Amino acid sequence: MYKQILVPVDLNEQGFSDKALKAAVWHAKQSNAQLHLLNVLPGIHMSMVATYFPQDAVKQMKKDVEKQLRAFADNFIDPELVYHVHIAEGKPYTTIIDYSEKLGTDLIVMPSHKRSKIDKVVLGSVASKVVENSHINVLVIKPNG
């Protein structure tokens, strides 16, 4: 089945990525796959944004996010499964696709916000853009309700 599974994780919303990670863990157990958790930070190195942060702030921010991502993973991933955490910067959907290709993943498991039709037209959705642009399977986990 699958060998490498990518799970984009949004740490800003409590409970948002839980179901997606649980589904990814199930698939990883079934096929003895490795998990890759990815958190995408907004473009903090863009010149307009970078001028507001001291040099060490970005490095510290990435360390903090990695620590939070590992703690999140430890809550849901059984010790016998192999997993890796990745912190990246950029536009979420393109970064997810780029990392998927870079890591050679064969499945992306990601959460999706429950959006109204007008929100989707106006704002778009990271999940829908990943589905539209990814060359591999994408399993989108919908929120409750």
C-alpha atoms as a PDB file:
ATOM      1  CA  MET A   1       0.000   0.000   0.000  1.00  0.00           C
ATOM      2  CA  TYR A   2       1.665   3.193   1.231  1.00  0.00           C
ATOM      3  CA  LYS A   3       5.282   3.692   2.283  1.00  0.00           C
ATOM      4  CA  GLN A   4       5.466   7.416   3.069  1.00  0.00           C
ATOM      5  CA  ILE A   5       2.466   9.403   4.371  1.00  0.00           C
ATOM      6  CA  LEU A   6       2.443  13.193   4.712  1.00  0.00           C
ATOM      7  CA  VAL A   7       0.172  14.852   7.273  1.00  0.00           C
ATOM      8  CA  PRO A   8      -0.008  18.661   7.155  1.00  0.00           C
ATOM      9  CA  VAL A   9      -0.706  19.869  10.708  1.00  0.00           C
ATOM     10  CA  ASP A  10      -2.189  23.228  11.699  1.00  0.00           C
ATOM     11  CA  LEU A  11      -1.197  23.830  15.318  1.00  0.00           C
ATOM     12  CA  ASN A  12      -3.150  27.086  15.542  1.00  0.00           C
ATOM     13  CA  GLU A  13      -6.526  25.414  15.885  1.00  0.00           C
ATOM     14  CA  GLN A  14      -6.942  22.955  18.751  1.00  0.00           C
ATOM     15  CA  GLY A  15      -8.442  19.677  17.605  1.00  0.00           C
ATOM     16  CA  PHE A  16      -8.299  20.572  13.899  1.00  0.00           C
ATOM     17  CA  SER A  17      -5.631  18.063  12.842  1.00  0.00           C
ATOM     18  CA  ASP A  18      -6.411  15.285  15.356  1.00  0.00           C
ATOM     19  CA  LYS A  19      -8.744  13.257  13.125  1.00  0.00           C
ATOM     20  CA  ALA A  20      -6.406  13.503  10.140  1.00  0.00           C
ATOM     21  CA  LEU A  21      -3.454  12.265  12.162  1.00  0.00           C
ATOM     22  CA  LYS A  22      -5.510   9.399  13.601  1.00  0.00           C
ATOM     23  CA  ALA A  23      -6.490   8.349  10.070  1.00  0.00           C
ATOM     24  CA  ALA A  24      -2.868   8.604   8.914  1.00  0.00           C
ATOM     25  CA  VAL A  25      -1.714   6.486  11.870  1.00  0.00           C
ATOM     26  CA  TRP A  26      -4.268   3.816  10.930  1.00  0.00           C
ATOM     27  CA  HIS A  27      -3.034   3.767   7.316  1.00  0.00           C
ATOM     28  CA  ALA A  28       0.603   3.693   8.477  1.00  0.00           C
ATOM     29  CA  LYS A  29      -0.098   0.680  10.696  1.00  0.00           C
ATOM     30  CA  GLN A  30      -1.874  -1.170   7.881  1.00  0.00           C
ATOM     31  CA  SER A  31       0.994  -0.727   5.443  1.00  0.00           C
ATOM     32  CA  ASN A  32       4.000  -0.289   7.742  1.00  0.00           C
ATOM     33  CA  ALA A  33       4.519   3.236   6.381  1.00  0.00           C
ATOM     34  CA  GLN A  34       6.504   6.134   7.769  1.00  0.00           C
ATOM     35  CA  LEU A  35       4.662   9.300   8.761  1.00  0.00           C
ATOM     36  CA  HIS A  36       5.814  12.823   7.967  1.00  0.00           C
ATOM     37  CA  LEU A  37       4.170  15.655   9.889  1.00  0.00           C
ATOM     38  CA  LEU A  38       4.484  19.067   8.268  1.00  0.00           C
ATOM     39  CA  ASN A  39       3.748  22.466   9.714  1.00  0.00           C
ATOM     40  CA  VAL A  40       3.862  25.366   7.265  1.00  0.00           C
ATOM     41  CA  LEU A  41       4.753  28.766   8.672  1.00  0.00           C
ATOM     42  CA  PRO A  42       3.690  31.835   6.714  1.00  0.00           C
ATOM     43  CA  GLY A  43       6.458  33.498   4.701  1.00  0.00           C
ATOM     44  CA  ILE A  44       8.415  34.927   7.615  1.00  0.00           C
ATOM     45  CA  HIS A  45      11.444  35.549   5.423  1.00  0.00           C
ATOM     46  CA  MET A  46       9.545  37.831   3.067  1.00  0.00           C
ATOM     47  CA  SER A  47      11.309  41.185   3.177  1.00  0.00           C
ATOM     48  CA  MET A  48       8.276  43.044   4.509  1.00  0.00           C
ATOM     49  CA  VAL A  49       7.820  40.572   7.372  1.00  0.00           C
ATOM     50  CA  ALA A  50      11.482  39.802   8.088  1.00  0.00           C
ATOM     51  CA  THR A  51      12.284  43.397   9.066  1.00  0.00           C
ATOM     52  CA  TYR A  52      10.022  43.055  12.115  1.00  0.00           C
ATOM     53  CA  PHE A  53      11.850  40.020  13.535  1.00  0.00           C
ATOM     54  CA  PRO A  54      15.325  39.873  15.049  1.00  0.00           C
ATOM     55  CA  GLN A  55      17.653  37.317  13.404  1.00  0.00           C
ATOM     56  CA  ASP A  56      17.317  34.747  16.204  1.00  0.00           C
ATOM     57  CA  ALA A  57      13.538  35.083  16.437  1.00  0.00           C
ATOM     58  CA  VAL A  58      12.898  32.990  13.328  1.00  0.00           C
ATOM     59  CA  LYS A  59      15.224  30.238  14.513  1.00  0.00           C
ATOM     60  CA  GLN A  60      13.570  30.236  17.945  1.00  0.00           C
ATOM     61  CA  MET A  61      10.104  30.230  16.385  1.00  0.00           C
ATOM     62  CA  LYS A  62      10.980  27.130  14.326  1.00  0.00           C
ATOM     63  CA  LYS A  63      12.356  25.380  17.436  1.00  0.00           C
ATOM     64  CA  ASP A  64       9.168  26.182  19.362  1.00  0.00           C
ATOM     65  CA  VAL A  65       6.934  24.946  16.546  1.00  0.00           C
ATOM     66  CA  GLU A  66       8.992  21.754  16.212  1.00  0.00           C
ATOM     67  CA  LYS A  67       8.639  21.134  19.952  1.00  0.00           C
ATOM     68  CA  GLN A  68       4.852  21.651  19.741  1.00  0.00           C
ATOM     69  CA  LEU A  69       4.614  19.395  16.681  1.00  0.00           C
ATOM     70  CA  ARG A  70       6.553  16.601  18.416  1.00  0.00           C
ATOM     71  CA  ALA A  71       4.318  16.906  21.506  1.00  0.00           C
ATOM     72  CA  PHE A  72       1.232  16.751  19.270  1.00  0.00           C
ATOM     73  CA  ALA A  73       2.629  13.682  17.488  1.00  0.00           C
ATOM     74  CA  ASP A  74       3.449  11.908  20.745  1.00  0.00           C
ATOM     75  CA  ASN A  75      -0.223  12.152  21.744  1.00  0.00           C
ATOM     76  CA  PHE A  76      -1.416  10.223  18.684  1.00  0.00           C
ATOM     77  CA  ILE A  77       1.432   8.170  17.223  1.00  0.00           C
ATOM     78  CA  ASP A  78       2.280   4.793  18.707  1.00  0.00           C
ATOM     79  CA  PRO A  79       5.963   4.378  19.629  1.00  0.00           C
ATOM     80  CA  GLU A  80       6.485   1.538  17.146  1.00  0.00           C
ATOM     81  CA  LEU A  81       5.653   3.789  14.170  1.00  0.00           C
ATOM     82  CA  VAL A  82       8.414   5.821  12.567  1.00  0.00           C
ATOM     83  CA  TYR A  83       7.637   9.491  12.115  1.00  0.00           C
ATOM     84  CA  HIS A  84       9.476  12.666  11.166  1.00  0.00           C
ATOM     85  CA  VAL A  85       8.558  16.302  11.734  1.00  0.00           C
ATOM     86  CA  HIS A  86       9.152  19.036   9.189  1.00  0.00           C
ATOM     87  CA  ILE A  87       8.825  22.790   9.592  1.00  0.00           C
ATOM     88  CA  ALA A  88       8.604  24.803   6.384  1.00  0.00           C
ATOM     89  CA  GLU A  89       7.807  28.321   5.264  1.00  0.00           C
ATOM     90  CA  GLY A  90       5.650  29.496   2.422  1.00  0.00           C
ATOM     91  CA  LYS A  91       2.220  29.329   0.890  1.00  0.00           C
ATOM     92  CA  PRO A  92       0.528  26.328   2.540  1.00  0.00           C
ATOM     93  CA  TYR A  93      -0.820  24.398  -0.448  1.00  0.00           C
ATOM     94  CA  THR A  94       2.291  24.761  -2.630  1.00  0.00           C
ATOM     95  CA  THR A  95       4.579  23.932   0.287  1.00  0.00           C
ATOM     96  CA  ILE A  96       2.545  20.803   1.080  1.00  0.00           C
ATOM     97  CA  ILE A  97       2.791  19.629  -2.525  1.00  0.00           C
ATOM     98  CA  ASP A  98       6.507  20.498  -2.723  1.00  0.00           C
ATOM     99  CA  TYR A  99       7.256  18.567   0.464  1.00  0.00           C
ATOM    100  CA  SER A 100       5.213  15.624  -0.722  1.00  0.00           C
ATOM    101  CA  GLU A 101       7.334  15.429  -3.866  1.00  0.00           C
ATOM    102  CA  LYS A 102      10.590  16.073  -1.996  1.00  0.00           C
ATOM    103  CA  LEU A 103       9.857  13.312   0.544  1.00  0.00           C
ATOM    104  CA  GLY A 104       8.516  10.862  -2.041  1.00  0.00           C
ATOM    105  CA  THR A 105       5.224  10.424  -0.217  1.00  0.00           C
ATOM    106  CA  ASP A 106       2.498   8.354  -1.771  1.00  0.00           C
ATOM    107  CA  LEU A 107      -0.403   9.653   0.336  1.00  0.00           C
ATOM    108  CA  ILE A 108      -1.336  12.996   1.862  1.00  0.00           C
ATOM    109  CA  VAL A 109      -3.821  12.883   4.740  1.00  0.00           C
ATOM    110  CA  MET A 110      -5.095  16.304   5.679  1.00  0.00           C
ATOM    111  CA  PRO A 111      -7.903  17.992   7.558  1.00  0.00           C
ATOM    112  CA  SER A 112     -10.370  20.334   5.935  1.00  0.00           C
ATOM    113  CA  HIS A 113     -12.323  23.198   7.417  1.00  0.00           C
ATOM    114  CA  LYS A 114     -16.060  23.095   7.050  1.00  0.00           C
ATOM    115  CA  ARG A 115     -16.621  26.054   4.752  1.00  0.00           C
ATOM    116  CA  SER A 116     -19.701  27.537   3.216  1.00  0.00           C
ATOM    117  CA  LYS A 117     -19.911  27.658  -0.581  1.00  0.00           C
ATOM    118  CA  ILE A 118     -19.283  31.404  -0.612  1.00  0.00           C
ATOM    119  CA  ASP A 119     -16.179  31.048   1.596  1.00  0.00           C
ATOM    120  CA  LYS A 120     -14.768  28.467  -0.768  1.00  0.00           C
ATOM    121  CA  VAL A 121     -15.356  30.691  -3.798  1.00  0.00           C
ATOM    122  CA  VAL A 122     -13.920  33.807  -2.173  1.00  0.00           C
ATOM    123  CA  LEU A 123     -11.135  32.368  -0.018  1.00  0.00           C
ATOM    124  CA  GLY A 124     -10.387  29.006  -1.520  1.00  0.00           C
ATOM    125  CA  SER A 125      -9.331  26.095   0.618  1.00  0.00           C
ATOM    126  CA  VAL A 126      -5.874  24.663   1.209  1.00  0.00           C
ATOM    127  CA  ALA A 127      -7.274  21.145   1.058  1.00  0.00           C
ATOM    128  CA  SER A 128      -9.098  21.707  -2.222  1.00  0.00           C
ATOM    129  CA  LYS A 129      -5.991  23.274  -3.794  1.00  0.00           C
ATOM    130  CA  VAL A 130      -3.863  20.335  -2.667  1.00  0.00           C
ATOM    131  CA  VAL A 131      -6.417  17.890  -4.115  1.00  0.00           C
ATOM    132  CA  GLU A 132      -6.512  19.804  -7.409  1.00  0.00           C
ATOM    133  CA  ASN A 133      -2.730  20.092  -7.785  1.00  0.00           C
ATOM    134  CA  SER A 134      -1.277  16.965  -6.186  1.00  0.00           C
ATOM    135  CA  HIS A 135      -0.068  14.096  -8.351  1.00  0.00           C
ATOM    136  CA  ILE A 136      -0.620  11.567  -5.555  1.00  0.00           C
ATOM    137  CA  ASN A 137      -3.637  10.434  -3.531  1.00  0.00           C
ATOM    138  CA  VAL A 138      -5.033  12.920  -1.025  1.00  0.00           C
ATOM    139  CA  LEU A 139      -7.324  11.791   1.778  1.00  0.00           C
ATOM    140  CA  VAL A 140      -9.278  14.771   3.113  1.00  0.00           C
ATOM    141  CA  ILE A 141     -10.710  14.350   6.595  1.00  0.00           C
ATOM    142  CA  LYS A 142     -13.790  16.472   7.197  1.00  0.00           C
ATOM    143  CA  PRO A 143     -14.619  17.999  10.600  1.00  0.00           C
ATOM    144  CA  ASN A 144     -17.450  16.631  12.718  1.00  0.00           C
ATOM    145  CA  GLY A 145     -20.907  17.748  11.795  1.00  0.00           C
END
